[in-house]
Protein backbone atom coordinates (compact mmCIF):
# COMPACT_ATOMS: atom_id res chain seq x y z
CA MET A 1 -12.35 0.58 8.58
CA ASN A 2 -11.16 -1.98 6.40
CA VAL A 3 -9.01 0.14 4.45
CA GLY A 4 -6.51 -2.88 4.16
CA SER A 5 -8.71 -5.27 1.94
CA ASN A 6 -10.14 -1.54 0.27
CA ALA A 7 -6.95 0.42 -0.47
CA GLY A 8 -5.14 -3.07 -1.27
CA GLN A 9 -7.09 -4.85 -3.83
CA ASP A 10 -6.59 -2.58 -6.39
CA PRO A 11 -2.28 -2.12 -6.24
CA LEU A 12 -2.87 -5.76 -6.07
CA ASP A 13 -5.28 -6.76 -9.05
CA PHE A 14 -2.26 -4.23 -11.13
CA ALA A 15 0.95 -6.45 -9.45
CA LEU A 16 -0.18 -9.58 -10.36
CA GLY A 17 -2.32 -8.70 -13.20
CA GLN A 18 0.72 -6.74 -14.75
CA PRO A 19 4.03 -7.20 -13.41
CA HIS A 20 6.46 -6.27 -15.68
CA LEU A 21 4.59 -3.10 -15.53
CA TYR A 22 3.83 -2.30 -12.02
CA VAL A 23 8.29 -3.62 -11.38
CA PHE A 24 8.59 -1.35 -13.75
CA LEU A 25 6.15 2.23 -12.42
CA PHE A 26 7.44 1.26 -8.97
CA THR A 27 10.74 -0.69 -8.63
CA GLU A 28 13.15 1.06 -11.82
CA ASN A 29 14.57 4.00 -11.22
CA ARG A 30 13.73 6.43 -14.11
CA THR A 31 13.52 10.11 -14.21
CA GLY A 32 10.79 11.40 -13.25
CA ALA A 33 8.76 8.87 -11.44
CA ARG A 34 7.30 10.04 -7.21
CA ALA A 35 9.62 10.68 -5.29
CA PHE A 36 8.59 10.53 -1.09
CA PRO A 37 7.91 12.71 0.23
CA HIS A 38 6.96 15.68 -1.69
CA ASP A 39 5.26 14.31 -4.73
CA PHE A 40 3.09 12.18 -2.22
CA ARG A 41 2.08 15.31 -0.20
CA SER A 42 1.07 17.58 -2.47
CA GLY A 43 -1.72 14.78 -3.55
CA ALA A 44 0.26 13.81 -6.67
CA SER A 45 0.01 9.83 -6.59
CA PRO A 46 -2.59 8.40 -7.47
CA THR A 47 -1.90 5.35 -5.54
CA LEU A 48 -1.35 6.65 -2.08
CA THR A 49 -3.37 9.50 -2.54
CA PRO A 50 -6.68 7.57 -1.60
CA VAL A 51 -4.54 5.28 1.11
CA ALA A 52 -3.58 8.93 2.63
CA ASP A 53 -6.73 9.89 2.23
CA ALA A 54 -8.87 6.79 4.02
CA LEU A 55 -6.18 7.40 7.31
CA THR A 56 -7.30 11.39 7.12
CA ALA A 57 -10.51 9.93 7.09
CA GLY A 58 -10.01 7.67 10.06
CA VAL A 59 -8.12 10.09 12.06
CA ARG A 60 -11.23 12.75 11.66
CA ARG A 61 -13.94 9.75 13.00
CA GLY A 62 -12.26 8.72 15.69
CA VAL A 63 -10.76 5.70 14.48
CA PHE A 64 -6.99 6.08 14.30
CA VAL A 65 -4.99 8.28 16.63
CA PRO A 66 -3.73 10.87 15.00
CA HIS A 67 -0.22 10.56 13.13
CA ASP A 68 1.36 11.69 9.86
CA VAL A 69 -1.04 9.37 7.39
CA TRP A 70 1.43 9.17 5.11
CA GLU A 71 4.15 7.91 6.97
CA VAL A 72 1.27 5.01 7.78
CA ALA A 73 0.18 5.32 3.72
CA LEU A 74 3.93 4.15 3.01
CA THR A 75 4.16 1.64 5.38
CA ILE A 76 1.13 0.44 3.90
CA ALA A 77 2.33 0.66 0.20
CA ALA A 78 6.47 -0.60 1.30
CA GLN A 79 4.66 -3.35 2.61
CA LEU A 80 2.38 -4.62 -0.06
CA HIS A 81 5.80 -3.64 -2.50
CA GLY A 82 7.37 -5.55 -0.46
CA LEU A 83 5.09 -8.80 -0.38
CA VAL A 84 4.71 -8.58 -3.99
CA GLU A 85 7.69 -8.49 -4.78
CA MET A 86 9.00 -11.02 -2.68
CA TYR A 87 5.38 -13.59 -4.56
CA HIS A 88 7.00 -12.58 -7.75
CA GLY A 89 10.38 -13.69 -7.40
CA GLY A 90 9.09 -17.19 -6.17
CA ARG A 91 9.42 -16.11 -2.67
CA ILE A 92 5.79 -16.97 -0.81
CA GLY A 93 4.49 -19.83 -2.18
CA LEU A 94 1.11 -19.92 -1.65
CA ALA A 95 -1.57 -19.96 -4.43
CA GLU A 96 -2.36 -16.47 -5.31
CA SER A 97 -6.02 -16.61 -3.18
CA GLU A 98 -3.69 -17.44 0.00
CA PHE A 99 -1.13 -14.49 -1.09
CA ARG A 100 -3.94 -11.88 -1.22
CA ALA A 101 -5.11 -12.93 2.06
CA LEU A 102 -1.44 -12.44 3.55
CA CYS A 103 -1.51 -9.19 2.30
CA SER A 104 -4.12 -8.20 3.92
CA ARG A 105 -3.41 -9.60 7.47
CA ALA A 106 -0.20 -7.20 6.91
CA VAL A 107 -1.92 -4.03 5.97
CA GLU A 108 -5.12 -4.86 9.00
CA ARG A 109 -1.61 -5.71 11.55
CA ILE A 110 -0.20 -1.96 10.18
CA LEU A 111 -3.12 -0.34 11.22
CA ASP A 112 -3.57 -1.99 14.51
CA GLY A 113 -0.55 0.42 15.28
CA VAL A 114 -2.59 3.25 15.02
CA ARG A 115 -5.85 2.50 15.43
CA ARG A 116 -7.74 3.85 19.10
């Protein structure tokens, strides 16, 4: 199961293609923004729910050890968000394709921690 490249692709497309909207939606403090854990565990997140669903499917198939899929999904999202923020801030000096590969490897490292 390659959650890293599949689950990370759409958020990266959005983050890199619309950086100002990305920052507004995922970084700025605003009224009504979803908050972990309640809003996410209820399935209200269109970005984190598919990641948690993929992790849950992986647990059911025996690919991943049983764990709190929402916390792992949040860890993946936080990793990607941090990398995106550093990239937007000019702190990661890679071409976009190399940056995407870095993000994929980072997610795979997280998943290595929950693989059987």
